[in-house]
Amino acid sequence: MPLFVLDAAWAAAVYASTVPRQWVPVTGSAILIAGLPWAVSAHNRPLIPLSGDPVSVLTSDRSSQYFVTQPALLSAFQDAATVIASSGCHDVGSMGMETS
């Protein structure tokens, strides 16, 4: 992904220097409009749900958005949050083991 982003500037410079000047904003606008459906309706966290699913990042709560790809972990997260909140502790950290 980083190489794609770096190459995009180079590709835009080459494109702007090789096509007629009036085509540059037209092409840029067409690319922007073509990308809007993917930007607003991402599969995991859609801004505007287009597939009939009523869930949107604008209407769902934050904790459920964390577990969109693994909803089975939501209850464990809520149980851990309840235990921590009831303990009165204000500084909480996490120690995990990395598995390969």
N, C-alpha and C. Protein backbone atom coordinates (compact mmCIF):
# COMPACT_ATOMS: atom_id res chain seq x y z
N MET A 1 0.81 -1.19 0.00
CA MET A 1 0.00 0.00 0.00
C MET A 1 0.86 1.27 0.00
N PRO A 2 1.93 1.34 0.81
CA PRO A 2 2.74 2.56 0.77
C PRO A 2 3.35 2.82 -0.61
N LEU A 3 3.75 1.76 -1.30
CA LEU A 3 4.31 1.96 -2.63
C LEU A 3 3.25 2.47 -3.60
N PHE A 4 2.03 2.00 -3.45
CA PHE A 4 0.94 2.47 -4.29
C PHE A 4 0.72 3.97 -4.08
N VAL A 5 0.75 4.41 -2.84
CA VAL A 5 0.55 5.82 -2.53
C VAL A 5 1.70 6.65 -3.09
N LEU A 6 2.92 6.18 -2.95
CA LEU A 6 4.06 6.91 -3.49
C LEU A 6 4.02 6.96 -5.02
N ASP A 7 3.62 5.87 -5.63
CA ASP A 7 3.55 5.83 -7.09
C ASP A 7 2.40 6.66 -7.64
N ALA A 8 1.38 6.91 -6.86
CA ALA A 8 0.24 7.70 -7.32
C ALA A 8 0.68 9.13 -7.66
N ALA A 9 1.55 9.71 -6.86
CA ALA A 9 2.03 11.07 -7.15
C ALA A 9 2.84 11.09 -8.44
N TRP A 10 3.67 10.09 -8.63
CA TRP A 10 4.46 10.01 -9.86
C TRP A 10 3.55 9.82 -11.07
N ALA A 11 2.57 8.95 -10.95
CA ALA A 11 1.64 8.69 -12.06
C ALA A 11 0.84 9.94 -12.39
N ALA A 12 0.42 10.69 -11.38
CA ALA A 12 -0.32 11.92 -11.62
C ALA A 12 0.54 12.96 -12.33
N ALA A 13 1.79 13.07 -11.95
CA ALA A 13 2.69 14.02 -12.59
C ALA A 13 2.93 13.66 -14.06
N VAL A 14 3.14 12.39 -14.33
CA VAL A 14 3.32 11.93 -15.71
C VAL A 14 2.05 12.16 -16.51
N TYR A 15 0.92 11.83 -15.93
CA TYR A 15 -0.36 12.00 -16.62
C TYR A 15 -0.61 13.47 -16.94
N ALA A 16 -0.37 14.36 -15.97
CA ALA A 16 -0.62 15.79 -16.17
C ALA A 16 0.30 16.38 -17.23
N SER A 17 1.47 15.80 -17.40
CA SER A 17 2.40 16.35 -18.39
C SER A 17 2.21 15.75 -19.78
N THR A 18 1.40 14.69 -19.91
CA THR A 18 1.25 14.05 -21.21
C THR A 18 -0.12 14.24 -21.86
N VAL A 19 -1.14 14.57 -21.11
CA VAL A 19 -2.48 14.75 -21.69
C VAL A 19 -2.80 16.24 -21.78
N PRO A 20 -3.77 16.61 -22.61
CA PRO A 20 -4.17 18.02 -22.68
C PRO A 20 -4.64 18.53 -21.31
N ARG A 21 -4.34 19.78 -21.05
CA ARG A 21 -4.59 20.39 -19.74
C ARG A 21 -6.06 20.30 -19.30
N GLN A 22 -7.00 20.43 -20.22
CA GLN A 22 -8.42 20.42 -19.84
C GLN A 22 -8.91 19.02 -19.44
N TRP A 23 -8.18 17.98 -19.76
CA TRP A 23 -8.58 16.63 -19.39
C TRP A 23 -8.22 16.26 -17.95
N VAL A 24 -7.27 16.96 -17.38
CA VAL A 24 -6.78 16.60 -16.04
C VAL A 24 -7.89 16.73 -15.00
N PRO A 25 -8.61 17.85 -14.88
CA PRO A 25 -9.68 17.89 -13.87
C PRO A 25 -10.85 16.96 -14.18
N VAL A 26 -11.13 16.75 -15.45
CA VAL A 26 -12.22 15.84 -15.83
C VAL A 26 -11.88 14.41 -15.41
N THR A 27 -10.66 13.98 -15.69
CA THR A 27 -10.24 12.63 -15.32
C THR A 27 -10.18 12.48 -13.80
N GLY A 28 -9.66 13.48 -13.11
CA GLY A 28 -9.60 13.43 -11.65
C GLY A 28 -10.98 13.33 -11.03
N SER A 29 -11.92 14.10 -11.56
CA SER A 29 -13.30 14.04 -11.06
C SER A 29 -13.92 12.68 -11.34
N ALA A 30 -13.67 12.12 -12.51
CA ALA A 30 -14.22 10.80 -12.85
C ALA A 30 -13.66 9.73 -11.91
N ILE A 31 -12.38 9.80 -11.61
CA ILE A 31 -11.77 8.81 -10.69
C ILE A 31 -12.35 8.98 -9.29
N LEU A 32 -12.53 10.21 -8.85
CA LEU A 32 -13.11 10.47 -7.54
C LEU A 32 -14.54 9.95 -7.45
N ILE A 33 -15.35 10.21 -8.46
CA ILE A 33 -16.73 9.73 -8.46
C ILE A 33 -16.79 8.21 -8.54
N ALA A 34 -15.90 7.61 -9.32
CA ALA A 34 -15.88 6.16 -9.43
C ALA A 34 -15.50 5.49 -8.11
N GLY A 35 -14.72 6.16 -7.28
CA GLY A 35 -14.31 5.58 -6.00
C GLY A 35 -15.29 5.78 -4.86
N LEU A 36 -16.29 6.64 -5.04
CA LEU A 36 -17.22 6.93 -3.96
C LEU A 36 -18.00 5.70 -3.45
N PRO A 37 -18.51 4.83 -4.33
CA PRO A 37 -19.22 3.67 -3.78
C PRO A 37 -18.36 2.82 -2.84
N TRP A 38 -17.10 2.64 -3.13
CA TRP A 38 -16.22 1.86 -2.25
C TRP A 38 -15.88 2.63 -0.99
N ALA A 39 -15.82 3.94 -1.07
CA ALA A 39 -15.49 4.74 0.10
C ALA A 39 -16.64 4.80 1.12
N VAL A 40 -17.87 4.87 0.65
CA VAL A 40 -18.99 5.02 1.57
C VAL A 40 -19.66 3.71 1.95
N SER A 41 -19.38 2.63 1.24
CA SER A 41 -20.04 1.37 1.57
C SER A 41 -19.04 0.24 1.75
N ALA A 42 -18.03 0.48 2.54
CA ALA A 42 -17.05 -0.57 2.83
C ALA A 42 -17.77 -1.75 3.48
N HIS A 43 -17.33 -2.95 3.18
CA HIS A 43 -18.04 -4.16 3.63
C HIS A 43 -18.13 -4.24 5.16
N ASN A 44 -17.04 -3.98 5.86
CA ASN A 44 -17.03 -4.15 7.31
C ASN A 44 -17.65 -2.98 8.06
N ARG A 45 -17.41 -1.77 7.58
CA ARG A 45 -17.90 -0.59 8.28
C ARG A 45 -18.45 0.44 7.28
N PRO A 46 -19.66 0.19 6.77
CA PRO A 46 -20.19 1.11 5.75
C PRO A 46 -20.65 2.43 6.35
N LEU A 47 -20.39 3.50 5.64
CA LEU A 47 -20.93 4.81 6.01
C LEU A 47 -22.40 4.85 5.61
N ILE A 48 -22.68 4.38 4.42
CA ILE A 48 -24.04 4.27 3.92
C ILE A 48 -24.25 2.81 3.52
N PRO A 49 -25.09 2.08 4.22
CA PRO A 49 -25.29 0.66 3.87
C PRO A 49 -26.08 0.52 2.58
N LEU A 50 -25.45 -0.01 1.54
CA LEU A 50 -26.10 -0.16 0.25
C LEU A 50 -26.63 -1.57 0.02
N SER A 51 -26.19 -2.55 0.78
CA SER A 51 -26.55 -3.94 0.53
C SER A 51 -27.80 -4.38 1.29
N GLY A 52 -28.57 -3.47 1.82
CA GLY A 52 -29.77 -3.82 2.56
C GLY A 52 -29.52 -4.04 4.04
N ASP A 53 -28.28 -4.07 4.48
CA ASP A 53 -27.94 -4.23 5.89
C ASP A 53 -28.11 -2.88 6.57
N PRO A 54 -28.93 -2.76 7.62
CA PRO A 54 -29.18 -1.46 8.23
C PRO A 54 -28.05 -0.93 9.10
N VAL A 55 -26.99 -1.70 9.27
CA VAL A 55 -25.89 -1.28 10.13
C VAL A 55 -25.00 -0.28 9.41
N SER A 56 -24.72 0.83 10.05
CA SER A 56 -23.85 1.87 9.52
C SER A 56 -22.97 2.37 10.66
N VAL A 57 -21.81 2.93 10.34
CA VAL A 57 -20.96 3.48 11.39
C VAL A 57 -21.61 4.70 12.02
N LEU A 58 -22.59 5.29 11.34
CA LEU A 58 -23.28 6.45 11.88
C LEU A 58 -24.39 6.05 12.84
N THR A 59 -24.89 4.82 12.77
CA THR A 59 -26.01 4.40 13.61
C THR A 59 -25.67 3.34 14.64
N SER A 60 -24.53 2.67 14.52
CA SER A 60 -24.19 1.62 15.48
C SER A 60 -23.23 2.17 16.54
N ASP A 61 -23.27 1.53 17.71
CA ASP A 61 -22.39 1.99 18.79
C ASP A 61 -20.94 1.56 18.53
N ARG A 62 -20.04 2.25 19.17
CA ARG A 62 -18.62 2.06 18.91
C ARG A 62 -18.12 0.67 19.29
N SER A 63 -18.57 0.14 20.42
CA SER A 63 -18.06 -1.16 20.84
C SER A 63 -18.47 -2.27 19.88
N SER A 64 -19.64 -2.18 19.26
CA SER A 64 -20.00 -3.20 18.28
C SER A 64 -19.21 -3.04 16.99
N GLN A 65 -18.77 -1.83 16.68
CA GLN A 65 -17.96 -1.61 15.48
C GLN A 65 -16.58 -2.24 15.62
N TYR A 66 -16.07 -2.33 16.84
CA TYR A 66 -14.76 -2.94 17.06
C TYR A 66 -14.76 -4.42 16.66
N PHE A 67 -15.90 -5.07 16.77
CA PHE A 67 -15.98 -6.51 16.59
C PHE A 67 -16.83 -6.92 15.40
N VAL A 68 -16.83 -6.10 14.36
CA VAL A 68 -17.62 -6.41 13.16
C VAL A 68 -17.16 -7.71 12.53
N THR A 69 -15.87 -7.92 12.46
CA THR A 69 -15.35 -9.12 11.81
C THR A 69 -15.35 -10.34 12.73
N GLN A 70 -15.41 -10.13 14.05
CA GLN A 70 -15.44 -11.24 15.01
C GLN A 70 -16.47 -10.94 16.10
N PRO A 71 -17.77 -11.02 15.78
CA PRO A 71 -18.79 -10.65 16.75
C PRO A 71 -18.84 -11.55 17.99
N ALA A 72 -18.28 -12.73 17.93
CA ALA A 72 -18.29 -13.62 19.09
C ALA A 72 -17.43 -13.07 20.23
N LEU A 73 -16.50 -12.19 19.94
CA LEU A 73 -15.63 -11.63 20.97
C LEU A 73 -16.26 -10.46 21.71
N LEU A 74 -17.39 -9.96 21.23
CA LEU A 74 -18.03 -8.78 21.85
C LEU A 74 -18.45 -9.07 23.28
N SER A 75 -19.04 -10.23 23.54
CA SER A 75 -19.49 -10.53 24.90
C SER A 75 -18.32 -10.64 25.87
N ALA A 76 -17.20 -11.21 25.44
CA ALA A 76 -16.02 -11.30 26.30
C ALA A 76 -15.47 -9.91 26.60
N PHE A 77 -15.49 -9.04 25.61
CA PHE A 77 -15.04 -7.66 25.80
C PHE A 77 -15.94 -6.94 26.81
N GLN A 78 -17.25 -7.10 26.67
CA GLN A 78 -18.18 -6.45 27.59
C GLN A 78 -18.05 -7.00 29.00
N ASP A 79 -17.82 -8.31 29.14
CA ASP A 79 -17.62 -8.90 30.47
C ASP A 79 -16.36 -8.35 31.12
N ALA A 80 -15.27 -8.27 30.35
CA ALA A 80 -14.02 -7.73 30.90
C ALA A 80 -14.18 -6.26 31.29
N ALA A 81 -14.89 -5.49 30.48
CA ALA A 81 -15.11 -4.08 30.80
C ALA A 81 -15.94 -3.92 32.06
N THR A 82 -16.91 -4.80 32.27
CA THR A 82 -17.74 -4.75 33.47
C THR A 82 -16.92 -5.07 34.72
N VAL A 83 -16.06 -6.07 34.63
CA VAL A 83 -15.19 -6.43 35.76
C VAL A 83 -14.24 -5.29 36.10
N ILE A 84 -13.66 -4.68 35.08
CA ILE A 84 -12.72 -3.57 35.32
C ILE A 84 -13.45 -2.38 35.92
N ALA A 85 -14.63 -2.06 35.39
CA ALA A 85 -15.39 -0.92 35.91
C ALA A 85 -15.81 -1.14 37.36
N SER A 86 -16.20 -2.37 37.70
CA SER A 86 -16.63 -2.65 39.07
C SER A 86 -15.46 -2.70 40.05
N SER A 87 -14.24 -2.90 39.55
CA SER A 87 -13.08 -2.96 40.45
C SER A 87 -12.64 -1.58 40.93
N GLY A 88 -13.06 -0.53 40.23
CA GLY A 88 -12.69 0.82 40.63
C GLY A 88 -11.33 1.23 40.11
N CYS A 89 -10.70 0.41 39.32
CA CYS A 89 -9.39 0.73 38.77
C CYS A 89 -9.53 1.71 37.61
N HIS A 90 -8.68 2.73 37.59
CA HIS A 90 -8.75 3.75 36.54
C HIS A 90 -7.64 3.62 35.51
N ASP A 91 -6.55 2.94 35.85
CA ASP A 91 -5.44 2.74 34.92
C ASP A 91 -5.39 1.26 34.55
N VAL A 92 -5.68 0.98 33.28
CA VAL A 92 -5.76 -0.41 32.84
C VAL A 92 -4.81 -0.60 31.68
N GLY A 93 -4.10 -1.72 31.67
CA GLY A 93 -3.22 -2.05 30.56
C GLY A 93 -3.51 -3.46 30.09
N SER A 94 -2.84 -3.84 29.04
CA SER A 94 -3.05 -5.16 28.49
C SER A 94 -1.70 -5.80 28.20
N MET A 95 -1.56 -7.04 28.59
CA MET A 95 -0.35 -7.79 28.28
C MET A 95 -0.79 -9.00 27.49
N GLY A 96 -0.23 -9.16 26.31
CA GLY A 96 -0.60 -10.29 25.48
C GLY A 96 0.63 -11.05 25.05
N MET A 97 0.39 -12.27 24.60
CA MET A 97 1.48 -13.08 24.09
C MET A 97 1.33 -13.15 22.58
N GLU A 98 2.41 -12.90 21.91
CA GLU A 98 2.39 -12.95 20.45
C GLU A 98 2.59 -14.38 20.01
N THR A 99 1.71 -14.85 19.14
CA THR A 99 1.86 -16.21 18.62
C THR A 99 2.21 -16.13 17.14
N SER A 100 2.98 -17.09 16.69
CA SER A 100 3.33 -17.07 15.29
C SER A 100 2.73 -18.22 14.54
